[in-house]
Amino acid sequence: MTTPPLVLLDLDGTLTDSAPIIRALARATFADLGLPDPGEAGLRGFVGPGLLEGFTSAGVPADLLTTAIATYRARYVADGIPATRAFDGIADQLRLLRDAGLLLAVATSKPEPLAVQVVRGTGLEPLLDGVFGAPPDGVPSTKADVIAHALTDVGPRVPADGRTLMVGDREHDVRGAAAHGIGCLGVAWGDAAPGELAAAGALTVIPQVGQLAAAVLRELSAARG
């Protein structure tokens, strides 16, 4: 029996249409702390990397970072998770990939317990073989760390022949995958700036949700030679 390929999927901006929610909650957190609005460029930094990096890059003083993260997280648990929905058509694409025999797992910079809540709330959990996220807030973690966590768990079930892919909407996904020698397909429906994914080295950028499964299967077939 052929060992199935593994596809690691980012969560925010890739599977879930959460970028507007994340930006709104981040903006509200700045207001709560009496800090100036970070603007659209500053808010983009919250979708993809962890909160520590997001608040730091947006200029929050070091002595307010812990408070900012706690304030945001309280808002996110109360309002963000219940409001989060999967992109239209994503569930159908995951079913196509599962029907093709692939292993599917989420790899997100969101703390893992919250990622599990989101996946359950969106109804995607039955379509996935695992949900892997970052450690608790305040513990430094990169996308490469999260991918390592996923590979430790799911990796033994896949061959070490390049038949593993990452799918994500930000440069952090591409670079985190590259740290493990894994190629990454970018998605155009997320929160990346124009040209961001190509500049980071994405194998390709998938234009629409409805093209996800075909693009993944095509790339895996090419890798198999």
Foldseek 3Di string as FASTA:
>chain_A
DAQAFEEEEAPAQTFKPQLVVQLVLLQVLCVVVVHDRLPPVLSLLPGAADQLRSCVVSPDDPVCSVVSVVSSVVCCVVPVLLPMETPPPLLVLLVLQVVVPHAYEYQYQPAQVSQVSNCVNHVNVVSHPYYFYDHDPPDDDASLRSVVVVCVPCVVSHDPQQSYEYEEAALSRQVSQVVVPHAYEHEPRGSYDVPGNVVSPHPYYHDDSVCVNVVSVVVSVVSVD
